[in-house]
Amino acid sequence: MVRRCFLMLHKKGLIEQRKGPNGGAKLKLPAKQIGLGDIYDASEDGWLTLDEPAIGGLLRRASEDGVQAMNETSLAQVLKRIRKNSPDAKAEDGAAPKGKATT
């Protein structure tokens, strides 16, 4: 289990590992520069559970806040932005699509 945790942290660039008798793992950045979100992101496989008493509440709140922030924008709003910025939409407004001249 510990090896798996270290592998995920290593893949996300949070720690570096060395093999051998003097080997081990250490943070790649100062602890002040690694946020809880970075660790949470590295735990995408669920090795760090929300039931962990030491950090469960913080992780739960971070997850809930993230979902809430994402839910402030609807799929319809995203599609509207995509359509507004598409070359076809600009052509409908009288502007020439990129790479094409108007006659």
PDB file of N, CA and C in Angstrom:
ATOM      1  N   MET A   1       0.827  -1.198   0.000  1.00  0.00           N
ATOM      2  CA  MET A   1       0.000   0.000   0.000  1.00  0.00           C
ATOM      3  C   MET A   1       0.869   1.259   0.000  1.00  0.00           C
ATOM      4  N   VAL A   2       1.906   1.268   0.811  1.00  0.00           N
ATOM      5  CA  VAL A   2       2.779   2.446   0.887  1.00  0.00           C
ATOM      6  C   VAL A   2       3.492   2.664  -0.441  1.00  0.00           C
ATOM      7  N   ARG A   3       3.962   1.581  -1.048  1.00  0.00           N
ATOM      8  CA  ARG A   3       4.632   1.716  -2.342  1.00  0.00           C
ATOM      9  C   ARG A   3       3.720   2.332  -3.385  1.00  0.00           C
ATOM     10  N   ARG A   4       2.462   1.900  -3.364  1.00  0.00           N
ATOM     11  CA  ARG A   4       1.481   2.433  -4.314  1.00  0.00           C
ATOM     12  C   ARG A   4       1.274   3.935  -4.079  1.00  0.00           C
ATOM     13  N   CYS A   5       1.184   4.346  -2.836  1.00  0.00           N
ATOM     14  CA  CYS A   5       1.033   5.766  -2.504  1.00  0.00           C
ATOM     15  C   CYS A   5       2.226   6.567  -3.013  1.00  0.00           C
ATOM     16  N   PHE A   6       3.419   6.044  -2.762  1.00  0.00           N
ATOM     17  CA  PHE A   6       4.619   6.742  -3.199  1.00  0.00           C
ATOM     18  C   PHE A   6       4.704   6.812  -4.719  1.00  0.00           C
ATOM     19  N   LEU A   7       4.256   5.757  -5.393  1.00  0.00           N
ATOM     20  CA  LEU A   7       4.271   5.752  -6.855  1.00  0.00           C
ATOM     21  C   LEU A   7       3.368   6.855  -7.400  1.00  0.00           C
ATOM     22  N   MET A   8       2.179   6.999  -6.834  1.00  0.00           N
ATOM     23  CA  MET A   8       1.259   8.040  -7.299  1.00  0.00           C
ATOM     24  C   MET A   8       1.817   9.436  -7.028  1.00  0.00           C
ATOM     25  N   LEU A   9       2.412   9.635  -5.860  1.00  0.00           N
ATOM     26  CA  LEU A   9       3.010  10.932  -5.548  1.00  0.00           C
ATOM     27  C   LEU A   9       4.185  11.223  -6.478  1.00  0.00           C
ATOM     28  N   HIS A  10       4.946  10.186  -6.802  1.00  0.00           N
ATOM     29  CA  HIS A  10       6.079  10.334  -7.717  1.00  0.00           C
ATOM     30  C   HIS A  10       5.591  10.688  -9.127  1.00  0.00           C
ATOM     31  N   LYS A  11       4.559  10.012  -9.598  1.00  0.00           N
ATOM     32  CA  LYS A  11       4.020  10.288 -10.930  1.00  0.00           C
ATOM     33  C   LYS A  11       3.521  11.718 -11.063  1.00  0.00           C
ATOM     34  N   LYS A  12       3.021  12.292  -9.989  1.00  0.00           N
ATOM     35  CA  LYS A  12       2.532  13.673 -10.005  1.00  0.00           C
ATOM     36  C   LYS A  12       3.645  14.685  -9.754  1.00  0.00           C
ATOM     37  N   GLY A  13       4.872  14.197  -9.567  1.00  0.00           N
ATOM     38  CA  GLY A  13       6.009  15.092  -9.397  1.00  0.00           C
ATOM     39  C   GLY A  13       6.133  15.713  -8.016  1.00  0.00           C
ATOM     40  N   LEU A  14       5.519  15.097  -7.028  1.00  0.00           N
ATOM     41  CA  LEU A  14       5.584  15.654  -5.672  1.00  0.00           C
ATOM     42  C   LEU A  14       6.763  15.123  -4.865  1.00  0.00           C
ATOM     43  N   ILE A  15       7.222  13.921  -5.199  1.00  0.00           N
ATOM     44  CA  ILE A  15       8.368  13.348  -4.485  1.00  0.00           C
ATOM     45  C   ILE A  15       9.365  12.796  -5.484  1.00  0.00           C
ATOM     46  N   GLU A  16      10.580  12.601  -5.014  1.00  0.00           N
ATOM     47  CA  GLU A  16      11.584  11.893  -5.802  1.00  0.00           C
ATOM     48  C   GLU A  16      12.060  10.712  -4.972  1.00  0.00           C
ATOM     49  N   GLN A  17      12.377   9.626  -5.655  1.00  0.00           N
ATOM     50  CA  GLN A  17      12.757   8.404  -4.971  1.00  0.00           C
ATOM     51  C   GLN A  17      14.129   7.955  -5.433  1.00  0.00           C
ATOM     52  N   ARG A  18      14.863   7.343  -4.488  1.00  0.00           N
ATOM     53  CA  ARG A  18      16.176   6.764  -4.800  1.00  0.00           C
ATOM     54  C   ARG A  18      16.203   5.340  -4.287  1.00  0.00           C
ATOM     55  N   LYS A  19      16.809   4.471  -5.068  1.00  0.00           N
ATOM     56  CA  LYS A  19      16.968   3.079  -4.662  1.00  0.00           C
ATOM     57  C   LYS A  19      18.302   2.911  -3.954  1.00  0.00           C
ATOM     58  N   GLY A  20      18.456   1.807  -3.270  1.00  0.00           N
ATOM     59  CA  GLY A  20      19.730   1.480  -2.657  1.00  0.00           C
ATOM     60  C   GLY A  20      19.729   1.645  -1.156  1.00  0.00           C
ATOM     61  N   PRO A  21      20.893   1.374  -0.545  1.00  0.00           N
ATOM     62  CA  PRO A  21      20.980   1.419   0.920  1.00  0.00           C
ATOM     63  C   PRO A  21      20.737   2.811   1.499  1.00  0.00           C
ATOM     64  N   ASN A  22      21.062   3.839   0.767  1.00  0.00           N
ATOM     65  CA  ASN A  22      20.823   5.212   1.223  1.00  0.00           C
ATOM     66  C   ASN A  22      19.605   5.812   0.532  1.00  0.00           C
ATOM     67  N   GLY A  23      18.799   4.955  -0.055  1.00  0.00           N
ATOM     68  CA  GLY A  23      17.643   5.407  -0.810  1.00  0.00           C
ATOM     69  C   GLY A  23      16.493   5.831   0.088  1.00  0.00           C
ATOM     70  N   GLY A  24      15.454   6.214  -0.559  1.00  0.00           N
ATOM     71  CA  GLY A  24      14.262   6.669   0.144  1.00  0.00           C
ATOM     72  C   GLY A  24      13.494   7.625  -0.736  1.00  0.00           C
ATOM     73  N   ALA A  25      12.648   8.387  -0.127  1.00  0.00           N
ATOM     74  CA  ALA A  25      11.841   9.361  -0.851  1.00  0.00           C
ATOM     75  C   ALA A  25      11.917  10.693  -0.129  1.00  0.00           C
ATOM     76  N   LYS A  26      11.880  11.760  -0.917  1.00  0.00           N
ATOM     77  CA  LYS A  26      11.824  13.098  -0.323  1.00  0.00           C
ATOM     78  C   LYS A  26      10.992  13.987  -1.218  1.00  0.00           C
ATOM     79  N   LEU A  27      10.494  15.042  -0.641  1.00  0.00           N
ATOM     80  CA  LEU A  27       9.677  15.992  -1.393  1.00  0.00           C
ATOM     81  C   LEU A  27      10.522  16.679  -2.448  1.00  0.00           C
ATOM     82  N   LYS A  28       9.938  16.894  -3.619  1.00  0.00           N
ATOM     83  CA  LYS A  28      10.628  17.630  -4.677  1.00  0.00           C
ATOM     84  C   LYS A  28      10.561  19.134  -4.446  1.00  0.00           C
ATOM     85  N   LEU A  29       9.536  19.569  -3.754  1.00  0.00           N
ATOM     86  CA  LEU A  29       9.319  20.986  -3.459  1.00  0.00           C
ATOM     87  C   LEU A  29       9.241  21.167  -1.952  1.00  0.00           C
ATOM     88  N   PRO A  30       9.455  22.385  -1.472  1.00  0.00           N
ATOM     89  CA  PRO A  30       9.218  22.631  -0.045  1.00  0.00           C
ATOM     90  C   PRO A  30       7.758  22.343   0.302  1.00  0.00           C
ATOM     91  N   ALA A  31       7.536  21.857   1.491  1.00  0.00           N
ATOM     92  CA  ALA A  31       6.184  21.494   1.910  1.00  0.00           C
ATOM     93  C   ALA A  31       5.202  22.663   1.778  1.00  0.00           C
ATOM     94  N   LYS A  32       5.687  23.892   1.936  1.00  0.00           N
ATOM     95  CA  LYS A  32       4.823  25.071   1.808  1.00  0.00           C
ATOM     96  C   LYS A  32       4.301  25.246   0.392  1.00  0.00           C
ATOM     97  N   GLN A  33       4.981  24.652  -0.578  1.00  0.00           N
ATOM     98  CA  GLN A  33       4.584  24.812  -1.983  1.00  0.00           C
ATOM     99  C   GLN A  33       3.705  23.665  -2.482  1.00  0.00           C
ATOM    100  N   ILE A  34       3.436  22.697  -1.651  1.00  0.00           N
ATOM    101  CA  ILE A  34       2.587  21.569  -2.042  1.00  0.00           C
ATOM    102  C   ILE A  34       1.264  21.711  -1.318  1.00  0.00           C
ATOM    103  N   GLY A  35       0.230  21.909  -2.071  1.00  0.00           N
ATOM    104  CA  GLY A  35      -1.086  22.098  -1.477  1.00  0.00           C
ATOM    105  C   GLY A  35      -1.817  20.792  -1.265  1.00  0.00           C
ATOM    106  N   LEU A  36      -2.820  20.860  -0.436  1.00  0.00           N
ATOM    107  CA  LEU A  36      -3.666  19.704  -0.193  1.00  0.00           C
ATOM    108  C   LEU A  36      -4.314  19.238  -1.490  1.00  0.00           C
ATOM    109  N   GLY A  37      -4.640  20.179  -2.340  1.00  0.00           N
ATOM    110  CA  GLY A  37      -5.217  19.823  -3.637  1.00  0.00           C
ATOM    111  C   GLY A  37      -4.257  19.014  -4.490  1.00  0.00           C
ATOM    112  N   ASP A  38      -2.978  19.317  -4.418  1.00  0.00           N
ATOM    113  CA  ASP A  38      -1.977  18.551  -5.162  1.00  0.00           C
ATOM    114  C   ASP A  38      -1.957  17.103  -4.693  1.00  0.00           C
ATOM    115  N   ILE A  39      -2.014  16.926  -3.388  1.00  0.00           N
ATOM    116  CA  ILE A  39      -2.012  15.574  -2.829  1.00  0.00           C
ATOM    117  C   ILE A  39      -3.315  14.871  -3.161  1.00  0.00           C
ATOM    118  N   TYR A  40      -4.401  15.582  -3.045  1.00  0.00           N
ATOM    119  CA  TYR A  40      -5.707  15.010  -3.378  1.00  0.00           C
ATOM    120  C   TYR A  40      -5.732  14.576  -4.840  1.00  0.00           C
ATOM    121  N   ASP A  41      -5.209  15.408  -5.719  1.00  0.00           N
ATOM    122  CA  ASP A  41      -5.158  15.084  -7.140  1.00  0.00           C
ATOM    123  C   ASP A  41      -4.324  13.826  -7.382  1.00  0.00           C
ATOM    124  N   ALA A  42      -3.241  13.695  -6.660  1.00  0.00           N
ATOM    125  CA  ALA A  42      -2.383  12.518  -6.804  1.00  0.00           C
ATOM    126  C   ALA A  42      -3.076  11.254  -6.321  1.00  0.00           C
ATOM    127  N   SER A  43      -4.094  11.422  -5.498  1.00  0.00           N
ATOM    128  CA  SER A  43      -4.777  10.265  -4.909  1.00  0.00           C
ATOM    129  C   SER A  43      -5.969   9.815  -5.733  1.00  0.00           C
ATOM    130  N   GLU A  44      -5.959  10.076  -7.006  1.00  0.00           N
ATOM    131  CA  GLU A  44      -7.120   9.787  -7.840  1.00  0.00           C
ATOM    132  C   GLU A  44      -7.570   8.331  -7.791  1.00  0.00           C
ATOM    133  N   ASP A  45      -6.696   7.430  -7.402  1.00  0.00           N
ATOM    134  CA  ASP A  45      -7.094   6.030  -7.288  1.00  0.00           C
ATOM    135  C   ASP A  45      -7.724   5.720  -5.946  1.00  0.00           C
ATOM    136  N   GLY A  46      -7.863   6.706  -5.098  1.00  0.00           N
ATOM    137  CA  GLY A  46      -8.561   6.516  -3.843  1.00  0.00           C
ATOM    138  C   GLY A  46      -7.740   5.928  -2.714  1.00  0.00           C
ATOM    139  N   TRP A  47      -6.418   5.979  -2.786  1.00  0.00           N
ATOM    140  CA  TRP A  47      -5.610   5.431  -1.692  1.00  0.00           C
ATOM    141  C   TRP A  47      -5.758   6.264  -0.428  1.00  0.00           C
ATOM    142  N   LEU A  48      -6.069   7.525  -0.582  1.00  0.00           N
ATOM    143  CA  LEU A  48      -6.275   8.399   0.564  1.00  0.00           C
ATOM    144  C   LEU A  48      -7.773   8.592   0.709  1.00  0.00           C
ATOM    145  N   THR A  49      -8.340   7.950   1.684  1.00  0.00           N
ATOM    146  CA  THR A  49      -9.792   7.954   1.796  1.00  0.00           C
ATOM    147  C   THR A  49     -10.300   9.172   2.540  1.00  0.00           C
ATOM    148  N   LEU A  50     -11.538   9.510   2.276  1.00  0.00           N
ATOM    149  CA  LEU A  50     -12.170  10.629   2.958  1.00  0.00           C
ATOM    150  C   LEU A  50     -12.507  10.278   4.406  1.00  0.00           C
ATOM    151  N   ASP A  51     -12.354   9.015   4.760  1.00  0.00           N
ATOM    152  CA  ASP A  51     -12.626   8.593   6.134  1.00  0.00           C
ATOM    153  C   ASP A  51     -11.423   8.772   7.056  1.00  0.00           C
ATOM    154  N   GLU A  52     -10.279   9.163   6.513  1.00  0.00           N
ATOM    155  CA  GLU A  52      -9.076   9.363   7.328  1.00  0.00           C
ATOM    156  C   GLU A  52      -9.336  10.497   8.311  1.00  0.00           C
ATOM    157  N   PRO A  53      -9.299  10.222   9.626  1.00  0.00           N
ATOM    158  CA  PRO A  53      -9.664  11.240  10.614  1.00  0.00           C
ATOM    159  C   PRO A  53      -8.796  12.509  10.571  1.00  0.00           C
ATOM    160  N   ALA A  54      -7.517  12.352  10.266  1.00  0.00           N
ATOM    161  CA  ALA A  54      -6.611  13.503  10.313  1.00  0.00           C
ATOM    162  C   ALA A  54      -6.907  14.533   9.225  1.00  0.00           C
ATOM    163  N   ILE A  55      -7.312  14.085   8.058  1.00  0.00           N
ATOM    164  CA  ILE A  55      -7.508  15.023   6.946  1.00  0.00           C
ATOM    165  C   ILE A  55      -8.825  14.826   6.218  1.00  0.00           C
ATOM    166  N   GLY A  56      -9.627  13.888   6.657  1.00  0.00           N
ATOM    167  CA  GLY A  56     -10.882  13.585   5.965  1.00  0.00           C
ATOM    168  C   GLY A  56     -11.780  14.781   5.782  1.00  0.00           C
ATOM    169  N   GLY A  57     -11.943  15.577   6.829  1.00  0.00           N
ATOM    170  CA  GLY A  57     -12.807  16.756   6.733  1.00  0.00           C
ATOM    171  C   GLY A  57     -12.298  17.765   5.730  1.00  0.00           C
ATOM    172  N   LEU A  58     -10.985  17.980   5.714  1.00  0.00           N
ATOM    173  CA  LEU A  58     -10.405  18.926   4.759  1.00  0.00           C
ATOM    174  C   LEU A  58     -10.554  18.434   3.324  1.00  0.00           C
ATOM    175  N   LEU A  59     -10.302  17.144   3.117  1.00  0.00           N
ATOM    176  CA  LEU A  59     -10.437  16.589   1.778  1.00  0.00           C
ATOM    177  C   LEU A  59     -11.887  16.631   1.312  1.00  0.00           C
ATOM    178  N   ARG A  60     -12.795  16.327   2.195  1.00  0.00           N
ATOM    179  CA  ARG A  60     -14.214  16.348   1.846  1.00  0.00           C
ATOM    180  C   ARG A  60     -14.639  17.755   1.450  1.00  0.00           C
ATOM    181  N   ARG A  61     -14.204  18.746   2.239  1.00  0.00           N
ATOM    182  CA  ARG A  61     -14.566  20.138   1.933  1.00  0.00           C
ATOM    183  C   ARG A  61     -13.956  20.581   0.600  1.00  0.00           C
ATOM    184  N   ALA A  62     -12.693  20.199   0.363  1.00  0.00           N
ATOM    185  CA  ALA A  62     -12.043  20.568  -0.898  1.00  0.00           C
ATOM    186  C   ALA A  62     -12.771  19.941  -2.082  1.00  0.00           C
ATOM    187  N   SER A  63     -13.164  18.697  -1.936  1.00  0.00           N
ATOM    188  CA  SER A  63     -13.887  18.020  -2.999  1.00  0.00           C
ATOM    189  C   SER A  63     -15.246  18.680  -3.237  1.00  0.00           C
ATOM    190  N   GLU A  64     -15.954  18.963  -2.164  1.00  0.00           N
ATOM    191  CA  GLU A  64     -17.269  19.595  -2.288  1.00  0.00           C
ATOM    192  C   GLU A  64     -17.160  20.984  -2.899  1.00  0.00           C
ATOM    193  N   ASP A  65     -16.156  21.759  -2.481  1.00  0.00           N
ATOM    194  CA  ASP A  65     -15.962  23.107  -3.031  1.00  0.00           C
ATOM    195  C   ASP A  65     -15.630  23.048  -4.522  1.00  0.00           C
ATOM    196  N   GLY A  66     -14.825  22.061  -4.896  1.00  0.00           N
ATOM    197  CA  GLY A  66     -14.475  21.911  -6.303  1.00  0.00           C
ATOM    198  C   GLY A  66     -15.687  21.587  -7.152  1.00  0.00           C
ATOM    199  N   VAL A  67     -16.483  20.667  -6.672  1.00  0.00           N
ATOM    200  CA  VAL A  67     -17.694  20.298  -7.400  1.00  0.00           C
ATOM    201  C   VAL A  67     -18.645  21.494  -7.465  1.00  0.00           C
ATOM    202  N   GLN A  68     -18.769  22.203  -6.358  1.00  0.00           N
ATOM    203  CA  GLN A  68     -19.650  23.373  -6.336  1.00  0.00           C
ATOM    204  C   GLN A  68     -19.161  24.429  -7.327  1.00  0.00           C
ATOM    205  N   ALA A  69     -17.870  24.670  -7.376  1.00  0.00           N
ATOM    206  CA  ALA A  69     -17.321  25.662  -8.311  1.00  0.00           C
ATOM    207  C   ALA A  69     -17.574  25.248  -9.755  1.00  0.00           C
ATOM    208  N   MET A  70     -17.393  23.958 -10.045  1.00  0.00           N
ATOM    209  CA  MET A  70     -17.644  23.486 -11.408  1.00  0.00           C
ATOM    210  C   MET A  70     -19.121  23.594 -11.765  1.00  0.00           C
ATOM    211  N   ASN A  71     -19.974  23.426 -10.778  1.00  0.00           N
ATOM    212  CA  ASN A  71     -21.412  23.476 -11.042  1.00  0.00           C
ATOM    213  C   ASN A  71     -21.938  24.900 -11.220  1.00  0.00           C
ATOM    214  N   GLU A  72     -21.111  25.898 -11.012  1.00  0.00           N
ATOM    215  CA  GLU A  72     -21.525  27.272 -11.257  1.00  0.00           C
ATOM    216  C   GLU A  72     -21.629  27.564 -12.755  1.00  0.00           C
ATOM    217  N   THR A  73     -21.012  26.710 -13.551  1.00  0.00           N
ATOM    218  CA  THR A  73     -21.100  26.837 -15.005  1.00  0.00           C
ATOM    219  C   THR A  73     -21.790  25.597 -15.536  1.00  0.00           C
ATOM    220  N   SER A  74     -22.844  25.803 -16.303  1.00  0.00           N
ATOM    221  CA  SER A  74     -23.591  24.667 -16.851  1.00  0.00           C
ATOM    222  C   SER A  74     -23.009  24.251 -18.196  1.00  0.00           C
ATOM    223  N   LEU A  75     -23.368  23.063 -18.616  1.00  0.00           N
ATOM    224  CA  LEU A  75     -22.955  22.579 -19.925  1.00  0.00           C
ATOM    225  C   LEU A  75     -23.484  23.501 -21.015  1.00  0.00           C
ATOM    226  N   ALA A  76     -24.675  24.000 -20.825  1.00  0.00           N
ATOM    227  CA  ALA A  76     -25.253  24.918 -21.806  1.00  0.00           C
ATOM    228  C   ALA A  76     -24.404  26.179 -21.948  1.00  0.00           C
ATOM    229  N   GLN A  77     -23.909  26.700 -20.841  1.00  0.00           N
ATOM    230  CA  GLN A  77     -23.067  27.894 -20.893  1.00  0.00           C
ATOM    231  C   GLN A  77     -21.760  27.608 -21.632  1.00  0.00           C
ATOM    232  N   VAL A  78     -21.199  26.430 -21.406  1.00  0.00           N
ATOM    233  CA  VAL A  78     -19.960  26.056 -22.093  1.00  0.00           C
ATOM    234  C   VAL A  78     -20.211  25.944 -23.591  1.00  0.00           C
ATOM    235  N   LEU A  79     -21.282  25.275 -23.956  1.00  0.00           N
ATOM    236  CA  LEU A  79     -21.610  25.143 -25.378  1.00  0.00           C
ATOM    237  C   LEU A  79     -21.850  26.495 -26.028  1.00  0.00           C
ATOM    238  N   LYS A  80     -22.510  27.393 -25.301  1.00  0.00           N
ATOM    239  CA  LYS A  80     -22.756  28.736 -25.819  1.00  0.00           C
ATOM    240  C   LYS A  80     -21.435  29.459 -26.081  1.00  0.00           C
ATOM    241  N   ARG A  81     -20.482  29.323 -25.152  1.00  0.00           N
ATOM    242  CA  ARG A  81     -19.165  29.957 -25.339  1.00  0.00           C
ATOM    243  C   ARG A  81     -18.431  29.353 -26.528  1.00  0.00           C
ATOM    244  N   ILE A  82     -18.517  28.031 -26.664  1.00  0.00           N
ATOM    245  CA  ILE A  82     -17.852  27.374 -27.794  1.00  0.00           C
ATOM    246  C   ILE A  82     -18.436  27.870 -29.101  1.00  0.00           C
ATOM    247  N   ARG A  83     -19.756  27.901 -29.161  1.00  0.00           N
ATOM    248  CA  ARG A  83     -20.416  28.359 -30.393  1.00  0.00           C
ATOM    249  C   ARG A  83     -20.090  29.808 -30.694  1.00  0.00           C
ATOM    250  N   LYS A  84     -20.070  30.633 -29.670  1.00  0.00           N
ATOM    251  CA  LYS A  84     -19.781  32.059 -29.852  1.00  0.00           C
ATOM    252  C   LYS A  84     -18.383  32.275 -30.411  1.00  0.00           C
ATOM    253  N   ASN A  85     -17.434  31.433 -30.009  1.00  0.00           N
ATOM    254  CA  ASN A  85     -16.050  31.593 -30.431  1.00  0.00           C
ATOM    255  C   ASN A  85     -15.683  30.774 -31.661  1.00  0.00           C
ATOM    256  N   SER A  86     -16.640  30.040 -32.215  1.00  0.00           N
ATOM    257  CA  SER A  86     -16.338  29.219 -33.388  1.00  0.00           C
ATOM    258  C   SER A  86     -16.250  30.091 -34.635  1.00  0.00           C
ATOM    259  N   PRO A  87     -15.460  29.677 -35.630  1.00  0.00           N
ATOM    260  CA  PRO A  87     -15.364  30.439 -36.879  1.00  0.00           C
ATOM    261  C   PRO A  87     -16.711  30.583 -37.573  1.00  0.00           C
ATOM    262  N   ASP A  88     -17.577  29.578 -37.503  1.00  0.00           N
ATOM    263  CA  ASP A  88     -18.891  29.646 -38.156  1.00  0.00           C
ATOM    264  C   ASP A  88     -19.742  30.755 -37.545  1.00  0.00           C
ATOM    265  N   ALA A  89     -19.691  30.902 -36.224  1.00  0.00           N
ATOM    266  CA  ALA A  89     -20.485  31.925 -35.553  1.00  0.00           C
ATOM    267  C   ALA A  89     -20.008  33.318 -35.950  1.00  0.00           C
ATOM    268  N   LYS A  90     -18.717  33.472 -36.086  1.00  0.00           N
ATOM    269  CA  LYS A  90     -18.186  34.773 -36.488  1.00  0.00           C
ATOM    270  C   LYS A  90     -18.589  35.105 -37.917  1.00  0.00           C
ATOM    271  N   ALA A  91     -18.665  34.086 -38.772  1.00  0.00           N
ATOM    272  CA  ALA A  91     -19.082  34.312 -40.158  1.00  0.00           C
ATOM    273  C   ALA A  91     -20.539  34.749 -40.210  1.00  0.00           C
ATOM    274  N   GLU A  92     -21.374  34.189 -39.337  1.00  0.00           N
ATOM    275  CA  GLU A  92     -22.778  34.572 -39.288  1.00  0.00           C
ATOM    276  C   GLU A  92     -22.949  36.021 -38.845  1.00  0.00           C
ATOM    277  N   ASP A  93     -22.026  36.516 -38.039  1.00  0.00           N
ATOM    278  CA  ASP A  93     -22.092  37.887 -37.544  1.00  0.00           C
ATOM    279  C   ASP A  93     -21.525  38.879 -38.565  1.00  0.00           C
ATOM    280  N   GLY A  94     -21.075  38.389 -39.692  1.00  0.00           N
ATOM    281  CA  GLY A  94     -20.515  39.277 -40.724  1.00  0.00           C
ATOM    282  C   GLY A  94     -19.017  39.328 -40.713  1.00  0.00           C
ATOM    283  N   ALA A  95     -18.397  38.731 -39.749  1.00  0.00           N
ATOM    284  CA  ALA A  95     -16.936  38.690 -39.701  1.00  0.00           C
ATOM    285  C   ALA A  95     -16.458  37.498 -40.503  1.00  0.00           C
ATOM    286  N   ALA A  96     -15.305  37.619 -41.123  1.00  0.00           N
ATOM    287  CA  ALA A  96     -14.759  36.523 -41.916  1.00  0.00           C
ATOM    288  C   ALA A  96     -14.157  35.478 -40.988  1.00  0.00           C
ATOM    289  N   PRO A  97     -14.384  34.190 -41.275  1.00  0.00           N
ATOM    290  CA  PRO A  97     -13.706  33.146 -40.509  1.00  0.00           C
ATOM    291  C   PRO A  97     -12.204  33.275 -40.690  1.00  0.00           C
ATOM    292  N   LYS A  98     -11.449  32.820 -39.718  1.00  0.00           N
ATOM    293  CA  LYS A  98      -9.986  32.904 -39.821  1.00  0.00           C
ATOM    294  C   LYS A  98      -9.509  32.220 -41.069  1.00  0.00           C
ATOM    295  N   GLY A  99      -8.585  32.873 -41.764  1.00  0.00           N
ATOM    296  CA  GLY A  99      -7.996  32.282 -42.943  1.00  0.00           C
ATOM    297  C   GLY A  99      -8.793  32.508 -44.225  1.00  0.00           C
ATOM    298  N   LYS A 100      -9.963  33.138 -44.145  1.00  0.00           N
ATOM    299  CA  LYS A 100     -10.777  33.394 -45.321  1.00  0.00           C
ATOM    300  C   LYS A 100     -11.056  34.881 -45.444  1.00  0.00           C
ATOM    301  N   ALA A 101     -10.995  35.370 -46.628  1.00  0.00           N
ATOM    302  CA  ALA A 101     -11.262  36.784 -46.875  1.00  0.00           C
ATOM    303  C   ALA A 101     -12.726  36.960 -47.260  1.00  0.00           C
ATOM    304  N   THR A 102     -13.279  38.106 -46.923  1.00  0.00           N
ATOM    305  CA  THR A 102     -14.653  38.399 -47.327  1.00  0.00           C
ATOM    306  C   THR A 102     -14.636  39.057 -48.691  1.00  0.00           C
ATOM    307  N   THR A 103     -15.709  38.854 -49.414  1.00  0.00           N
ATOM    308  CA  THR A 103     -15.765  39.459 -50.768  1.00  0.00           C
ATOM    309  C   THR A 103     -16.743  40.585 -50.796  1.00  0.00           C
TER     310      THR A 103
END
